[in-house]
Amino acid sequence: MATVHIIRPAANGRISLGKHAAGSRKFHAAQDPDGLIILEPFTEIPTREEWLFENKSALSAVNEGLDPSAHGNLTIKATPQSLNLNP
């Protein structure tokens, strides 16, 4: 079940979400005919990175590679030759 909070608007009509908005910078706001307001946190991504989220196999490969590094386990598999760093 959802947690309900009573939030009072300031004199200018603004509502502060305070700790309820921690980690979110943007929200989609929807209001139904009965006046119910729903705020849904969302994140925007640059267009040049959108392909990654549309390509499930590529996203899975990236996540698989990032998971060990999140735990401090790094393995470097690239060589200067594979990165074309040799003149």
PDB file of N, CA and C in Angstrom:
ATOM      1  N   MET A   1       0.838  -1.175   0.000  1.00  0.00           N
ATOM      2  CA  MET A   1       0.000   0.000   0.000  1.00  0.00           C
ATOM      3  C   MET A   1       0.890   1.247   0.000  1.00  0.00           C
ATOM      4  N   ALA A   2       0.411   2.285  -0.623  1.00  0.00           N
ATOM      5  CA  ALA A   2       1.171   3.532  -0.718  1.00  0.00           C
ATOM      6  C   ALA A   2       1.224   4.239   0.627  1.00  0.00           C
ATOM      7  N   THR A   3       2.326   4.955   0.837  1.00  0.00           N
ATOM      8  CA  THR A   3       2.463   5.782   2.031  1.00  0.00           C
ATOM      9  C   THR A   3       1.856   7.142   1.726  1.00  0.00           C
ATOM     10  N   VAL A   4       1.043   7.637   2.628  1.00  0.00           N
ATOM     11  CA  VAL A   4       0.371   8.923   2.429  1.00  0.00           C
ATOM     12  C   VAL A   4       0.963   9.950   3.378  1.00  0.00           C
ATOM     13  N   HIS A   5       1.262  11.136   2.851  1.00  0.00           N
ATOM     14  CA  HIS A   5       1.799  12.230   3.640  1.00  0.00           C
ATOM     15  C   HIS A   5       0.920  13.458   3.435  1.00  0.00           C
ATOM     16  N   ILE A   6       0.737  14.220   4.478  1.00  0.00           N
ATOM     17  CA  ILE A   6       0.021  15.486   4.354  1.00  0.00           C
ATOM     18  C   ILE A   6       1.053  16.577   4.166  1.00  0.00           C
ATOM     19  N   ILE A   7       0.950  17.282   3.063  1.00  0.00           N
ATOM     20  CA  ILE A   7       1.879  18.352   2.736  1.00  0.00           C
ATOM     21  C   ILE A   7       1.055  19.607   2.495  1.00  0.00           C
ATOM     22  N   ARG A   8       1.386  20.674   3.195  1.00  0.00           N
ATOM     23  CA  ARG A   8       0.631  21.927   3.060  1.00  0.00           C
ATOM     24  C   ARG A   8       1.379  22.893   2.144  1.00  0.00           C
ATOM     25  N   PRO A   9       0.642  23.534   1.235  1.00  0.00           N
ATOM     26  CA  PRO A   9       1.287  24.521   0.369  1.00  0.00           C
ATOM     27  C   PRO A   9       1.660  25.776   1.144  1.00  0.00           C
ATOM     28  N   ALA A  10       2.721  26.439   0.683  1.00  0.00           N
ATOM     29  CA  ALA A  10       3.133  27.723   1.256  1.00  0.00           C
ATOM     30  C   ALA A  10       2.118  28.780   0.810  1.00  0.00           C
ATOM     31  N   ALA A  11       2.266  29.979   1.305  1.00  0.00           N
ATOM     32  CA  ALA A  11       1.343  31.074   0.980  1.00  0.00           C
ATOM     33  C   ALA A  11       1.272  31.336  -0.528  1.00  0.00           C
ATOM     34  N   ASN A  12       2.377  31.082  -1.232  1.00  0.00           N
ATOM     35  CA  ASN A  12       2.396  31.316  -2.681  1.00  0.00           C
ATOM     36  C   ASN A  12       1.856  30.123  -3.482  1.00  0.00           C
ATOM     37  N   GLY A  13       1.409  29.075  -2.784  1.00  0.00           N
ATOM     38  CA  GLY A  13       0.839  27.906  -3.452  1.00  0.00           C
ATOM     39  C   GLY A  13       1.834  26.816  -3.781  1.00  0.00           C
ATOM     40  N   ARG A  14       3.096  27.063  -3.512  1.00  0.00           N
ATOM     41  CA  ARG A  14       4.114  26.048  -3.807  1.00  0.00           C
ATOM     42  C   ARG A  14       4.132  24.979  -2.725  1.00  0.00           C
ATOM     43  N   ILE A  15       4.485  23.780  -3.169  1.00  0.00           N
ATOM     44  CA  ILE A  15       4.593  22.650  -2.251  1.00  0.00           C
ATOM     45  C   ILE A  15       6.035  22.173  -2.254  1.00  0.00           C
ATOM     46  N   SER A  16       6.609  22.022  -1.071  1.00  0.00           N
ATOM     47  CA  SER A  16       7.962  21.494  -0.955  1.00  0.00           C
ATOM     48  C   SER A  16       7.872  19.996  -0.675  1.00  0.00           C
ATOM     49  N   LEU A  17       8.536  19.224  -1.502  1.00  0.00           N
ATOM     50  CA  LEU A  17       8.523  17.773  -1.305  1.00  0.00           C
ATOM     51  C   LEU A  17       9.613  17.317  -0.351  1.00  0.00           C
ATOM     52  N   GLY A  18      10.585  18.187  -0.084  1.00  0.00           N
ATOM     53  CA  GLY A  18      11.636  17.874   0.875  1.00  0.00           C
ATOM     54  C   GLY A  18      12.266  16.518   0.639  1.00  0.00           C
ATOM     55  N   LYS A  19      12.357  15.731   1.710  1.00  0.00           N
ATOM     56  CA  LYS A  19      13.020  14.423   1.625  1.00  0.00           C
ATOM     57  C   LYS A  19      12.286  13.443   0.717  1.00  0.00           C
ATOM     58  N   HIS A  20      11.026  13.721   0.407  1.00  0.00           N
ATOM     59  CA  HIS A  20      10.271  12.826  -0.471  1.00  0.00           C
ATOM     60  C   HIS A  20      10.775  12.889  -1.911  1.00  0.00           C
ATOM     61  N   ALA A  21      11.494  13.962  -2.237  1.00  0.00           N
ATOM     62  CA  ALA A  21      12.012  14.123  -3.587  1.00  0.00           C
ATOM     63  C   ALA A  21      13.500  13.818  -3.669  1.00  0.00           C
ATOM     64  N   ALA A  22      14.088  13.307  -2.608  1.00  0.00           N
ATOM     65  CA  ALA A  22      15.528  13.030  -2.590  1.00  0.00           C
ATOM     66  C   ALA A  22      15.908  12.122  -3.763  1.00  0.00           C
ATOM     67  N   GLY A  23      16.922  12.532  -4.506  1.00  0.00           N
ATOM     68  CA  GLY A  23      17.407  11.720  -5.624  1.00  0.00           C
ATOM     69  C   GLY A  23      16.680  11.972  -6.931  1.00  0.00           C
ATOM     70  N   SER A  24      15.599  12.725  -6.915  1.00  0.00           N
ATOM     71  CA  SER A  24      14.859  13.011  -8.143  1.00  0.00           C
ATOM     72  C   SER A  24      14.896  14.503  -8.418  1.00  0.00           C
ATOM     73  N   ARG A  25      15.180  14.838  -9.651  1.00  0.00           N
ATOM     74  CA  ARG A  25      15.224  16.251 -10.005  1.00  0.00           C
ATOM     75  C   ARG A  25      14.029  16.655 -10.851  1.00  0.00           C
ATOM     76  N   LYS A  26      13.400  15.687 -11.491  1.00  0.00           N
ATOM     77  CA  LYS A  26      12.267  15.992 -12.360  1.00  0.00           C
ATOM     78  C   LYS A  26      11.134  15.013 -12.099  1.00  0.00           C
ATOM     79  N   PHE A  27       9.940  15.499 -12.317  1.00  0.00           N
ATOM     80  CA  PHE A  27       8.750  14.672 -12.121  1.00  0.00           C
ATOM     81  C   PHE A  27       7.782  14.899 -13.276  1.00  0.00           C
ATOM     82  N   HIS A  28       7.104  13.832 -13.680  1.00  0.00           N
ATOM     83  CA  HIS A  28       5.929  13.979 -14.528  1.00  0.00           C
ATOM     84  C   HIS A  28       4.781  14.238 -13.562  1.00  0.00           C
ATOM     85  N   ALA A  29       3.973  15.234 -13.839  1.00  0.00           N
ATOM     86  CA  ALA A  29       2.833  15.542 -12.977  1.00  0.00           C
ATOM     87  C   ALA A  29       1.558  15.289 -13.766  1.00  0.00           C
ATOM     88  N   ALA A  30       0.648  14.546 -13.151  1.00  0.00           N
ATOM     89  CA  ALA A  30      -0.640  14.263 -13.776  1.00  0.00           C
ATOM     90  C   ALA A  30      -1.743  14.571 -12.778  1.00  0.00           C
ATOM     91  N   GLN A  31      -2.839  15.115 -13.272  1.00  0.00           N
ATOM     92  CA  GLN A  31      -3.985  15.394 -12.415  1.00  0.00           C
ATOM     93  C   GLN A  31      -5.212  14.793 -13.057  1.00  0.00           C
ATOM     94  N   ASP A  32      -5.935  13.975 -12.282  1.00  0.00           N
ATOM     95  CA  ASP A  32      -7.134  13.345 -12.815  1.00  0.00           C
ATOM     96  C   ASP A  32      -8.340  14.284 -12.646  1.00  0.00           C
ATOM     97  N   PRO A  33      -9.478  13.941 -13.225  1.00  0.00           N
ATOM     98  CA  PRO A  33     -10.652  14.817 -13.163  1.00  0.00           C
ATOM     99  C   PRO A  33     -11.129  15.119 -11.733  1.00  0.00           C
ATOM    100  N   ASP A  34     -10.822  14.234 -10.782  1.00  0.00           N
ATOM    101  CA  ASP A  34     -11.233  14.458  -9.395  1.00  0.00           C
ATOM    102  C   ASP A  34     -10.234  15.320  -8.619  1.00  0.00           C
ATOM    103  N   GLY A  35      -9.128  15.736  -9.273  1.00  0.00           N
ATOM    104  CA  GLY A  35      -8.148  16.583  -8.617  1.00  0.00           C
ATOM    105  C   GLY A  35      -6.967  15.843  -8.027  1.00  0.00           C
ATOM    106  N   LEU A  36      -6.954  14.519  -8.114  1.00  0.00           N
ATOM    107  CA  LEU A  36      -5.828  13.739  -7.601  1.00  0.00           C
ATOM    108  C   LEU A  36      -4.587  14.059  -8.425  1.00  0.00           C
ATOM    109  N   ILE A  37      -3.503  14.423  -7.744  1.00  0.00           N
ATOM    110  CA  ILE A  37      -2.251  14.754  -8.424  1.00  0.00           C
ATOM    111  C   ILE A  37      -1.259  13.626  -8.187  1.00  0.00           C
ATOM    112  N   ILE A  38      -0.684  13.145  -9.269  1.00  0.00           N
ATOM    113  CA  ILE A  38       0.307  12.064  -9.183  1.00  0.00           C
ATOM    114  C   ILE A  38       1.627  12.590  -9.724  1.00  0.00           C
ATOM    115  N   LEU A  39       2.681  12.468  -8.921  1.00  0.00           N
ATOM    116  CA  LEU A  39       4.029  12.857  -9.330  1.00  0.00           C
ATOM    117  C   LEU A  39       4.848  11.597  -9.538  1.00  0.00           C
ATOM    118  N   GLU A  40       5.418  11.465 -10.719  1.00  0.00           N
ATOM    119  CA  GLU A  40       6.240  10.287 -11.020  1.00  0.00           C
ATOM    120  C   GLU A  40       7.661  10.744 -11.340  1.00  0.00           C
ATOM    121  N   PRO A  41       8.642  10.345 -10.514  1.00  0.00           N
ATOM    122  CA  PRO A  41      10.029  10.736 -10.790  1.00  0.00           C
ATOM    123  C   PRO A  41      10.497  10.137 -12.121  1.00  0.00           C
ATOM    124  N   PHE A  42      11.293  10.898 -12.841  1.00  0.00           N
ATOM    125  CA  PHE A  42      11.854  10.361 -14.075  1.00  0.00           C
ATOM    126  C   PHE A  42      13.237  10.928 -14.319  1.00  0.00           C
ATOM    127  N   THR A  43      13.974  10.247 -15.196  1.00  0.00           N
ATOM    128  CA  THR A  43      15.321  10.644 -15.571  1.00  0.00           C
ATOM    129  C   THR A  43      15.373  10.781 -17.079  1.00  0.00           C
ATOM    130  N   GLU A  44      16.033  11.798 -17.548  1.00  0.00           N
ATOM    131  CA  GLU A  44      16.230  11.971 -18.982  1.00  0.00           C
ATOM    132  C   GLU A  44      17.621  11.469 -19.348  1.00  0.00           C
ATOM    133  N   ILE A  45      17.729  10.935 -20.558  1.00  0.00           N
ATOM    134  CA  ILE A  45      19.035  10.500 -21.045  1.00  0.00           C
ATOM    135  C   ILE A  45      19.316  11.207 -22.370  1.00  0.00           C
ATOM    136  N   PRO A  46      20.566  11.458 -22.668  1.00  0.00           N
ATOM    137  CA  PRO A  46      20.898  12.091 -23.946  1.00  0.00           C
ATOM    138  C   PRO A  46      20.489  11.199 -25.120  1.00  0.00           C
ATOM    139  N   THR A  47      20.072  11.811 -26.213  1.00  0.00           N
ATOM    140  CA  THR A  47      19.643  11.079 -27.407  1.00  0.00           C
ATOM    141  C   THR A  47      20.725  10.127 -27.889  1.00  0.00           C
ATOM    142  N   ARG A  48      21.994  10.552 -27.796  1.00  0.00           N
ATOM    143  CA  ARG A  48      23.082   9.695 -28.299  1.00  0.00           C
ATOM    144  C   ARG A  48      23.249   8.424 -27.466  1.00  0.00           C
ATOM    145  N   GLU A  49      22.666   8.366 -26.256  1.00  0.00           N
ATOM    146  CA  GLU A  49      22.759   7.171 -25.416  1.00  0.00           C
ATOM    147  C   GLU A  49      21.476   6.345 -25.428  1.00  0.00           C
ATOM    148  N   GLU A  50      20.453   6.832 -26.087  1.00  0.00           N
ATOM    149  CA  GLU A  50      19.154   6.156 -26.092  1.00  0.00           C
ATOM    150  C   GLU A  50      19.237   4.752 -26.693  1.00  0.00           C
ATOM    151  N   TRP A  51      20.085   4.576 -27.701  1.00  0.00           N
ATOM    152  CA  TRP A  51      20.211   3.281 -28.361  1.00  0.00           C
ATOM    153  C   TRP A  51      20.535   2.169 -27.370  1.00  0.00           C
ATOM    154  N   LEU A  52      21.343   2.506 -26.344  1.00  0.00           N
ATOM    155  CA  LEU A  52      21.765   1.498 -25.386  1.00  0.00           C
ATOM    156  C   LEU A  52      20.566   0.929 -24.620  1.00  0.00           C
ATOM    157  N   PHE A  53      19.629   1.795 -24.258  1.00  0.00           N
ATOM    158  CA  PHE A  53      18.467   1.345 -23.502  1.00  0.00           C
ATOM    159  C   PHE A  53      17.447   0.638 -24.387  1.00  0.00           C
ATOM    160  N   GLU A  54      17.536   0.852 -25.689  1.00  0.00           N
ATOM    161  CA  GLU A  54      16.653   0.162 -26.629  1.00  0.00           C
ATOM    162  C   GLU A  54      17.233  -1.188 -27.053  1.00  0.00           C
ATOM    163  N   ASN A  55      18.541  -1.374 -26.898  1.00  0.00           N
ATOM    164  CA  ASN A  55      19.213  -2.610 -27.290  1.00  0.00           C
ATOM    165  C   ASN A  55      19.467  -3.435 -26.020  1.00  0.00           C
ATOM    166  N   LYS A  56      18.552  -4.353 -25.727  1.00  0.00           N
ATOM    167  CA  LYS A  56      18.605  -5.107 -24.466  1.00  0.00           C
ATOM    168  C   LYS A  56      19.884  -5.922 -24.333  1.00  0.00           C
ATOM    169  N   SER A  57      20.387  -6.457 -25.434  1.00  0.00           N
ATOM    170  CA  SER A  57      21.596  -7.272 -25.337  1.00  0.00           C
ATOM    171  C   SER A  57      22.814  -6.400 -25.027  1.00  0.00           C
ATOM    172  N   ALA A  58      22.890  -5.208 -25.623  1.00  0.00           N
ATOM    173  CA  ALA A  58      23.997  -4.296 -25.324  1.00  0.00           C
ATOM    174  C   ALA A  58      23.908  -3.807 -23.880  1.00  0.00           C
ATOM    175  N   LEU A  59      22.698  -3.479 -23.432  1.00  0.00           N
ATOM    176  CA  LEU A  59      22.517  -3.010 -22.056  1.00  0.00           C
ATOM    177  C   LEU A  59      22.898  -4.097 -21.061  1.00  0.00           C
ATOM    178  N   SER A  60      22.545  -5.331 -21.375  1.00  0.00           N
ATOM    179  CA  SER A  60      22.904  -6.455 -20.512  1.00  0.00           C
ATOM    180  C   SER A  60      24.423  -6.610 -20.436  1.00  0.00           C
ATOM    181  N   ALA A  61      25.096  -6.456 -21.569  1.00  0.00           N
ATOM    182  CA  ALA A  61      26.560  -6.578 -21.596  1.00  0.00           C
ATOM    183  C   ALA A  61      27.208  -5.464 -20.773  1.00  0.00           C
ATOM    184  N   VAL A  62      26.686  -4.251 -20.884  1.00  0.00           N
ATOM    185  CA  VAL A  62      27.230  -3.129 -20.106  1.00  0.00           C
ATOM    186  C   VAL A  62      27.008  -3.383 -18.615  1.00  0.00           C
ATOM    187  N   ASN A  63      25.810  -3.789 -18.252  1.00  0.00           N
ATOM    188  CA  ASN A  63      25.518  -4.062 -16.836  1.00  0.00           C
ATOM    189  C   ASN A  63      26.380  -5.197 -16.295  1.00  0.00           C
ATOM    190  N   GLU A  64      26.604  -6.204 -17.126  1.00  0.00           N
ATOM    191  CA  GLU A  64      27.450  -7.333 -16.713  1.00  0.00           C
ATOM    192  C   GLU A  64      28.880  -6.857 -16.465  1.00  0.00           C
ATOM    193  N   GLY A  65      29.331  -5.927 -17.281  1.00  0.00           N
ATOM    194  CA  GLY A  65      30.677  -5.392 -17.099  1.00  0.00           C
ATOM    195  C   GLY A  65      30.782  -4.449 -15.910  1.00  0.00           C
ATOM    196  N   LEU A  66      29.712  -3.713 -15.620  1.00  0.00           N
ATOM    197  CA  LEU A  66      29.734  -2.765 -14.511  1.00  0.00           C
ATOM    198  C   LEU A  66      29.553  -3.426 -13.152  1.00  0.00           C
ATOM    199  N   ASP A  67      28.850  -4.544 -13.106  1.00  0.00           N
ATOM    200  CA  ASP A  67      28.553  -5.190 -11.828  1.00  0.00           C
ATOM    201  C   ASP A  67      29.809  -5.507 -11.017  1.00  0.00           C
ATOM    202  N   PRO A  68      30.827  -6.152 -11.595  1.00  0.00           N
ATOM    203  CA  PRO A  68      32.037  -6.431 -10.802  1.00  0.00           C
ATOM    204  C   PRO A  68      32.735  -5.154 -10.337  1.00  0.00           C
ATOM    205  N   SER A  69      32.739  -4.127 -11.191  1.00  0.00           N
ATOM    206  CA  SER A  69      33.430  -2.894 -10.806  1.00  0.00           C
ATOM    207  C   SER A  69      32.717  -2.202  -9.648  1.00  0.00           C
ATOM    208  N   ALA A  70      31.412  -2.389  -9.530  1.00  0.00           N
ATOM    209  CA  ALA A  70      30.669  -1.802  -8.416  1.00  0.00           C
ATOM    210  C   ALA A  70      31.120  -2.407  -7.089  1.00  0.00           C
ATOM    211  N   HIS A  71      31.694  -3.593  -7.164  1.00  0.00           N
ATOM    212  CA  HIS A  71      32.176  -4.277  -5.962  1.00  0.00           C
ATOM    213  C   HIS A  71      33.704  -4.213  -5.844  1.00  0.00           C
ATOM    214  N   GLY A  72      34.323  -3.366  -6.667  1.00  0.00           N
ATOM    215  CA  GLY A  72      35.774  -3.181  -6.580  1.00  0.00           C
ATOM    216  C   GLY A  72      36.583  -4.233  -7.309  1.00  0.00           C
ATOM    217  N   ASN A  73      35.944  -5.085  -8.097  1.00  0.00           N
ATOM    218  CA  ASN A  73      36.657  -6.134  -8.831  1.00  0.00           C
ATOM    219  C   ASN A  73      36.852  -5.692 -10.277  1.00  0.00           C
ATOM    220  N   LEU A  74      38.051  -5.282 -10.606  1.00  0.00           N
ATOM    221  CA  LEU A  74      38.327  -4.803 -11.952  1.00  0.00           C
ATOM    222  C   LEU A  74      39.307  -5.715 -12.661  1.00  0.00           C
ATOM    223  N   THR A  75      38.995  -6.025 -13.909  1.00  0.00           N
ATOM    224  CA  THR A  75      39.892  -6.789 -14.758  1.00  0.00           C
ATOM    225  C   THR A  75      40.015  -6.035 -16.065  1.00  0.00           C
ATOM    226  N   ILE A  76      41.240  -5.671 -16.441  1.00  0.00           N
ATOM    227  CA  ILE A  76      41.446  -4.941 -17.688  1.00  0.00           C
ATOM    228  C   ILE A  76      41.812  -5.948 -18.766  1.00  0.00           C
ATOM    229  N   LYS A  77      40.975  -6.003 -19.803  1.00  0.00           N
ATOM    230  CA  LYS A  77      41.198  -6.952 -20.885  1.00  0.00           C
ATOM    231  C   LYS A  77      41.735  -6.282 -22.144  1.00  0.00           C
ATOM    232  N   ALA A  78      41.734  -4.968 -22.155  1.00  0.00           N
ATOM    233  CA  ALA A  78      42.202  -4.250 -23.339  1.00  0.00           C
ATOM    234  C   ALA A  78      43.720  -4.176 -23.342  1.00  0.00           C
ATOM    235  N   THR A  79      44.269  -4.140 -24.525  1.00  0.00           N
ATOM    236  CA  THR A  79      45.710  -3.951 -24.695  1.00  0.00           C
ATOM    237  C   THR A  79      45.908  -2.681 -25.522  1.00  0.00           C
ATOM    238  N   PRO A  80      47.100  -2.116 -25.496  1.00  0.00           N
ATOM    239  CA  PRO A  80      47.327  -0.936 -26.338  1.00  0.00           C
ATOM    240  C   PRO A  80      47.010  -1.211 -27.809  1.00  0.00           C
ATOM    241  N   GLN A  81      47.290  -2.441 -28.262  1.00  0.00           N
ATOM    242  CA  GLN A  81      47.006  -2.794 -29.658  1.00  0.00           C
ATOM    243  C   GLN A  81      45.498  -2.816 -29.919  1.00  0.00           C
ATOM    244  N   SER A  82      44.722  -3.384 -29.000  1.00  0.00           N
ATOM    245  CA  SER A  82      43.276  -3.475 -29.230  1.00  0.00           C
ATOM    246  C   SER A  82      42.620  -2.101 -29.172  1.00  0.00           C
ATOM    247  N   LEU A  83      43.254  -1.147 -28.494  1.00  0.00           N
ATOM    248  CA  LEU A  83      42.728   0.204 -28.422  1.00  0.00           C
ATOM    249  C   LEU A  83      43.333   1.117 -29.472  1.00  0.00           C
ATOM    250  N   ASN A  84      44.175   0.560 -30.326  1.00  0.00           N
ATOM    251  CA  ASN A  84      44.863   1.316 -31.378  1.00  0.00           C
ATOM    252  C   ASN A  84      45.659   2.475 -30.808  1.00  0.00           C
ATOM    253  N   LEU A  85      46.390   2.217 -29.718  1.00  0.00           N
ATOM    254  CA  LEU A  85      47.180   3.269 -29.087  1.00  0.00           C
ATOM    255  C   LEU A  85      48.620   3.294 -29.578  1.00  0.00           C
ATOM    256  N   ASN A  86      49.027   2.269 -30.311  1.00  0.00           N
ATOM    257  CA  ASN A  86      50.397   2.239 -30.844  1.00  0.00           C
ATOM    258  C   ASN A  86      50.466   3.063 -32.134  1.00  0.00           C
ATOM    259  N   PRO A  87      51.515   3.894 -32.237  1.00  0.00           N
ATOM    260  CA  PRO A  87      51.651   4.729 -33.456  1.00  0.00           C
ATOM    261  C   PRO A  87      51.929   3.887 -34.694  1.00  0.00           C
TER     262      PRO A  87
END
